[in-house]
Amino acid sequence: MEVSVKRIEIARRVSEECGLLVPHAQQVVDCLMDVLIEEVLKGELTLPDFGKFEVRWTKPLIGRNPLIPDVEIAIPPRPKVYFKPSKDLANRVIKTLAVGAAKK
C-alpha cells in the first residue's frame, strides 16, 4: 500500500492543526523539508520517536548487457538513503494496520 502525500497537503494539515494560514504553514513545511534534507546529506538524521535516515553507499558491481553477455560494464558505487523506523513508530504502524485489517 503506497500513499503519496504532497507538500501542500501536509501544509493544509499543519494549518488546521496549528491554526496557521495555509501560506504560512507551507513556508514552515518547505523550511522543515529543506532542513531535513540538509541533515540527511550530512550522512545521518535521527528523529526520536520517528526513525533514522542514513546514507549508505552501494557496492561496486559488474553488470552485463543481456544482448552482449561477453561485455562487462562496471557499475560504480552510489549513495542511497535508507530509513529505519523507531520502535514506537513501528509498533504504532503494526497496531493501526492490524486493527484496520481486523475490521475488514
N, C-alpha and C. Protein backbone atom coordinates (compact mmCIF):
# COMPACT_ATOMS: atom_id res chain seq x y z
N MET A 1 0.85 -1.17 0.00
CA MET A 1 0.00 0.00 0.00
C MET A 1 0.90 1.24 0.00
N GLU A 2 0.93 1.94 -1.10
CA GLU A 2 1.74 3.15 -1.21
C GLU A 2 0.84 4.37 -1.16
N VAL A 3 1.22 5.31 -0.31
CA VAL A 3 0.47 6.55 -0.18
C VAL A 3 1.43 7.69 -0.46
N SER A 4 1.07 8.54 -1.37
CA SER A 4 1.89 9.69 -1.71
C SER A 4 1.18 10.95 -1.22
N VAL A 5 1.89 11.74 -0.43
CA VAL A 5 1.32 12.96 0.12
C VAL A 5 2.13 14.15 -0.40
N LYS A 6 1.44 15.12 -0.94
CA LYS A 6 2.12 16.30 -1.46
C LYS A 6 2.38 17.29 -0.34
N ARG A 7 3.37 18.15 -0.55
CA ARG A 7 3.72 19.15 0.46
C ARG A 7 2.53 20.04 0.80
N ILE A 8 1.74 20.40 -0.18
CA ILE A 8 0.60 21.29 0.07
C ILE A 8 -0.42 20.60 0.98
N GLU A 9 -0.58 19.28 0.83
CA GLU A 9 -1.49 18.55 1.70
C GLU A 9 -0.98 18.54 3.14
N ILE A 10 0.32 18.40 3.30
CA ILE A 10 0.91 18.47 4.64
C ILE A 10 0.72 19.87 5.20
N ALA A 11 0.93 20.89 4.37
CA ALA A 11 0.76 22.27 4.81
C ALA A 11 -0.68 22.53 5.25
N ARG A 12 -1.64 21.96 4.55
CA ARG A 12 -3.04 22.14 4.94
C ARG A 12 -3.31 21.50 6.30
N ARG A 13 -2.74 20.32 6.53
CA ARG A 13 -2.90 19.66 7.84
C ARG A 13 -2.26 20.49 8.94
N VAL A 14 -1.05 21.00 8.68
CA VAL A 14 -0.37 21.84 9.67
C VAL A 14 -1.20 23.09 9.93
N SER A 15 -1.76 23.66 8.88
CA SER A 15 -2.59 24.84 9.01
C SER A 15 -3.78 24.56 9.93
N GLU A 16 -4.44 23.43 9.71
CA GLU A 16 -5.61 23.07 10.53
C GLU A 16 -5.21 22.79 11.98
N GLU A 17 -4.13 22.04 12.16
CA GLU A 17 -3.72 21.62 13.50
C GLU A 17 -3.17 22.77 14.33
N CYS A 18 -2.45 23.69 13.68
CA CYS A 18 -1.75 24.75 14.42
C CYS A 18 -2.43 26.11 14.31
N GLY A 19 -3.49 26.21 13.52
CA GLY A 19 -4.19 27.48 13.38
C GLY A 19 -3.42 28.52 12.58
N LEU A 20 -2.62 28.04 11.64
CA LEU A 20 -1.87 28.95 10.77
C LEU A 20 -2.60 29.12 9.45
N LEU A 21 -2.29 30.20 8.77
CA LEU A 21 -2.78 30.36 7.41
C LEU A 21 -2.01 29.37 6.53
N VAL A 22 -2.65 28.89 5.48
CA VAL A 22 -2.03 27.89 4.62
C VAL A 22 -0.70 28.37 4.05
N PRO A 23 -0.58 29.62 3.56
CA PRO A 23 0.73 30.05 3.03
C PRO A 23 1.83 30.01 4.10
N HIS A 24 1.49 30.37 5.34
CA HIS A 24 2.49 30.32 6.42
C HIS A 24 2.85 28.87 6.74
N ALA A 25 1.86 28.01 6.77
CA ALA A 25 2.12 26.59 7.03
C ALA A 25 2.96 26.00 5.91
N GLN A 26 2.73 26.45 4.68
CA GLN A 26 3.51 25.95 3.55
C GLN A 26 4.97 26.38 3.68
N GLN A 27 5.21 27.59 4.15
CA GLN A 27 6.58 28.05 4.39
C GLN A 27 7.24 27.19 5.46
N VAL A 28 6.51 26.87 6.51
CA VAL A 28 7.05 26.04 7.59
C VAL A 28 7.41 24.66 7.05
N VAL A 29 6.52 24.06 6.29
CA VAL A 29 6.76 22.73 5.73
C VAL A 29 7.95 22.75 4.78
N ASP A 30 8.02 23.76 3.91
CA ASP A 30 9.14 23.87 2.98
C ASP A 30 10.46 24.03 3.72
N CYS A 31 10.46 24.87 4.74
CA CYS A 31 11.67 25.09 5.54
C CYS A 31 12.08 23.80 6.26
N LEU A 32 11.11 23.12 6.83
CA LEU A 32 11.40 21.87 7.53
C LEU A 32 11.98 20.83 6.57
N MET A 33 11.39 20.71 5.39
CA MET A 33 11.90 19.75 4.41
C MET A 33 13.33 20.08 4.01
N ASP A 34 13.62 21.37 3.81
CA ASP A 34 14.98 21.79 3.45
C ASP A 34 15.97 21.43 4.55
N VAL A 35 15.59 21.66 5.80
CA VAL A 35 16.47 21.35 6.93
C VAL A 35 16.69 19.83 7.02
N LEU A 36 15.63 19.05 6.87
CA LEU A 36 15.76 17.60 6.93
C LEU A 36 16.67 17.07 5.83
N ILE A 37 16.51 17.60 4.62
CA ILE A 37 17.35 17.17 3.50
C ILE A 37 18.80 17.54 3.76
N GLU A 38 19.06 18.74 4.26
CA GLU A 38 20.43 19.14 4.58
C GLU A 38 21.06 18.19 5.60
N GLU A 39 20.29 17.81 6.61
CA GLU A 39 20.82 16.91 7.63
C GLU A 39 21.09 15.51 7.07
N VAL A 40 20.21 15.01 6.21
CA VAL A 40 20.43 13.70 5.60
C VAL A 40 21.68 13.74 4.72
N LEU A 41 21.89 14.86 4.02
CA LEU A 41 23.07 14.98 3.17
C LEU A 41 24.37 14.95 3.97
N LYS A 42 24.30 15.25 5.26
CA LYS A 42 25.48 15.17 6.12
C LYS A 42 25.81 13.71 6.46
N GLY A 43 24.89 12.80 6.19
CA GLY A 43 25.16 11.39 6.40
C GLY A 43 24.15 10.65 7.23
N GLU A 44 23.55 11.31 8.22
CA GLU A 44 22.59 10.62 9.07
C GLU A 44 21.68 11.63 9.76
N LEU A 45 20.42 11.25 9.91
CA LEU A 45 19.46 12.09 10.61
C LEU A 45 18.59 11.18 11.46
N THR A 46 18.59 11.44 12.77
CA THR A 46 17.77 10.66 13.69
C THR A 46 16.70 11.57 14.27
N LEU A 47 15.45 11.16 14.10
CA LEU A 47 14.32 11.87 14.68
C LEU A 47 13.72 10.97 15.75
N PRO A 48 13.90 11.32 17.04
CA PRO A 48 13.36 10.47 18.10
C PRO A 48 11.86 10.23 17.91
N ASP A 49 11.44 9.03 18.22
CA ASP A 49 10.05 8.59 18.09
C ASP A 49 9.58 8.51 16.64
N PHE A 50 10.46 8.73 15.67
CA PHE A 50 10.08 8.60 14.27
C PHE A 50 10.98 7.59 13.57
N GLY A 51 12.28 7.87 13.55
CA GLY A 51 13.19 6.94 12.90
C GLY A 51 14.50 7.57 12.52
N LYS A 52 15.26 6.83 11.74
CA LYS A 52 16.61 7.27 11.37
C LYS A 52 16.78 7.17 9.85
N PHE A 53 17.21 8.26 9.25
CA PHE A 53 17.58 8.29 7.85
C PHE A 53 19.09 8.19 7.78
N GLU A 54 19.59 7.34 6.91
CA GLU A 54 21.03 7.12 6.82
C GLU A 54 21.44 6.99 5.36
N VAL A 55 22.57 7.59 5.02
CA VAL A 55 23.12 7.47 3.67
C VAL A 55 24.13 6.33 3.69
N ARG A 56 23.93 5.35 2.85
CA ARG A 56 24.88 4.24 2.70
C ARG A 56 25.28 4.16 1.23
N TRP A 57 26.47 3.66 1.00
CA TRP A 57 26.96 3.50 -0.37
C TRP A 57 26.77 2.06 -0.82
N THR A 58 26.31 1.90 -2.06
CA THR A 58 26.18 0.57 -2.63
C THR A 58 27.57 0.06 -2.99
N LYS A 59 27.69 -1.24 -3.14
CA LYS A 59 28.96 -1.82 -3.55
C LYS A 59 29.12 -1.65 -5.06
N PRO A 60 30.36 -1.53 -5.53
CA PRO A 60 30.55 -1.51 -6.99
C PRO A 60 30.19 -2.89 -7.55
N LEU A 61 29.56 -2.90 -8.69
CA LEU A 61 29.10 -4.15 -9.29
C LEU A 61 29.59 -4.27 -10.72
N ILE A 62 29.55 -5.48 -11.22
CA ILE A 62 29.83 -5.73 -12.63
C ILE A 62 28.50 -6.12 -13.27
N GLY A 63 28.08 -5.37 -14.28
CA GLY A 63 26.84 -5.64 -14.98
C GLY A 63 27.10 -6.18 -16.37
N ARG A 64 26.09 -6.77 -16.93
CA ARG A 64 26.21 -7.30 -18.30
C ARG A 64 24.96 -6.94 -19.09
N ASN A 65 25.17 -6.66 -20.35
CA ASN A 65 24.07 -6.44 -21.27
C ASN A 65 23.60 -7.82 -21.72
N PRO A 66 22.32 -8.16 -21.51
CA PRO A 66 21.85 -9.49 -21.92
C PRO A 66 22.01 -9.75 -23.41
N LEU A 67 22.04 -8.70 -24.22
CA LEU A 67 22.19 -8.89 -25.67
C LEU A 67 23.64 -9.14 -26.05
N ILE A 68 24.58 -8.66 -25.22
CA ILE A 68 26.01 -8.86 -25.46
C ILE A 68 26.63 -9.36 -24.15
N PRO A 69 26.43 -10.61 -23.78
CA PRO A 69 26.85 -11.09 -22.46
C PRO A 69 28.36 -11.09 -22.23
N ASP A 70 29.15 -11.01 -23.30
CA ASP A 70 30.61 -11.04 -23.14
C ASP A 70 31.16 -9.71 -22.64
N VAL A 71 30.41 -8.64 -22.79
CA VAL A 71 30.88 -7.31 -22.40
C VAL A 71 30.46 -7.03 -20.96
N GLU A 72 31.45 -6.74 -20.11
CA GLU A 72 31.16 -6.40 -18.73
C GLU A 72 31.12 -4.88 -18.59
N ILE A 73 30.20 -4.41 -17.76
CA ILE A 73 30.05 -2.98 -17.52
C ILE A 73 30.25 -2.74 -16.03
N ALA A 74 31.17 -1.84 -15.70
CA ALA A 74 31.41 -1.50 -14.30
C ALA A 74 30.32 -0.56 -13.81
N ILE A 75 29.66 -0.94 -12.74
CA ILE A 75 28.63 -0.10 -12.13
C ILE A 75 29.25 0.49 -10.86
N PRO A 76 29.46 1.80 -10.85
CA PRO A 76 30.15 2.41 -9.71
C PRO A 76 29.27 2.44 -8.46
N PRO A 77 29.92 2.55 -7.29
CA PRO A 77 29.12 2.69 -6.07
C PRO A 77 28.36 4.01 -6.10
N ARG A 78 27.22 4.05 -5.42
CA ARG A 78 26.44 5.28 -5.36
C ARG A 78 25.76 5.38 -4.01
N PRO A 79 25.46 6.59 -3.59
CA PRO A 79 24.79 6.74 -2.30
C PRO A 79 23.30 6.43 -2.41
N LYS A 80 22.77 5.81 -1.35
CA LYS A 80 21.33 5.54 -1.25
C LYS A 80 20.89 5.94 0.14
N VAL A 81 19.66 6.41 0.25
CA VAL A 81 19.11 6.80 1.54
C VAL A 81 18.26 5.65 2.06
N TYR A 82 18.55 5.25 3.29
CA TYR A 82 17.79 4.20 3.95
C TYR A 82 17.05 4.80 5.14
N PHE A 83 15.89 4.23 5.45
CA PHE A 83 15.11 4.68 6.60
C PHE A 83 14.83 3.50 7.50
N LYS A 84 15.10 3.68 8.79
CA LYS A 84 14.76 2.67 9.78
C LYS A 84 13.81 3.30 10.78
N PRO A 85 12.57 2.81 10.84
CA PRO A 85 11.61 3.41 11.77
C PRO A 85 11.98 3.12 13.22
N SER A 86 11.60 4.03 14.10
CA SER A 86 11.82 3.80 15.53
C SER A 86 10.89 2.68 15.99
N LYS A 87 11.19 2.11 17.14
CA LYS A 87 10.33 1.05 17.67
C LYS A 87 8.92 1.57 17.91
N ASP A 88 8.83 2.81 18.42
CA ASP A 88 7.50 3.39 18.67
C ASP A 88 6.68 3.49 17.39
N LEU A 89 7.30 4.01 16.33
CA LEU A 89 6.60 4.15 15.05
C LEU A 89 6.23 2.78 14.50
N ALA A 90 7.16 1.85 14.54
CA ALA A 90 6.89 0.50 14.02
C ALA A 90 5.73 -0.14 14.78
N ASN A 91 5.72 0.01 16.10
CA ASN A 91 4.62 -0.57 16.89
C ASN A 91 3.29 0.09 16.58
N ARG A 92 3.29 1.42 16.40
CA ARG A 92 2.04 2.12 16.06
C ARG A 92 1.51 1.66 14.71
N VAL A 93 2.42 1.48 13.74
CA VAL A 93 2.00 1.02 12.41
C VAL A 93 1.41 -0.38 12.51
N ILE A 94 2.08 -1.24 13.25
CA ILE A 94 1.59 -2.61 13.39
C ILE A 94 0.21 -2.62 14.05
N LYS A 95 0.06 -1.87 15.14
CA LYS A 95 -1.24 -1.83 15.82
C LYS A 95 -2.33 -1.25 14.93
N THR A 96 -2.02 -0.15 14.25
CA THR A 96 -3.02 0.52 13.41
C THR A 96 -3.43 -0.36 12.23
N LEU A 97 -2.45 -0.95 11.55
CA LEU A 97 -2.78 -1.78 10.40
C LEU A 97 -3.42 -3.09 10.82
N ALA A 98 -3.02 -3.63 11.97
CA ALA A 98 -3.64 -4.87 12.45
C ALA A 98 -5.11 -4.63 12.79
N VAL A 99 -5.41 -3.50 13.42
CA VAL A 99 -6.80 -3.15 13.74
C VAL A 99 -7.57 -2.93 12.46
N GLY A 100 -6.97 -2.22 11.49
CA GLY A 100 -7.63 -1.96 10.21
C GLY A 100 -7.90 -3.24 9.45
N ALA A 101 -6.94 -4.18 9.49
CA ALA A 101 -7.12 -5.45 8.79
C ALA A 101 -8.18 -6.31 9.47
N ALA A 102 -8.28 -6.21 10.80
CA ALA A 102 -9.26 -6.99 11.53
C ALA A 102 -10.68 -6.52 11.24
N LYS A 103 -10.83 -5.22 10.94
CA LYS A 103 -12.15 -4.66 10.64
C LYS A 103 -12.66 -5.09 9.28
N LYS A 104 -11.75 -5.45 8.37
CA LYS A 104 -12.17 -5.79 7.00
C LYS A 104 -12.79 -7.13 6.93
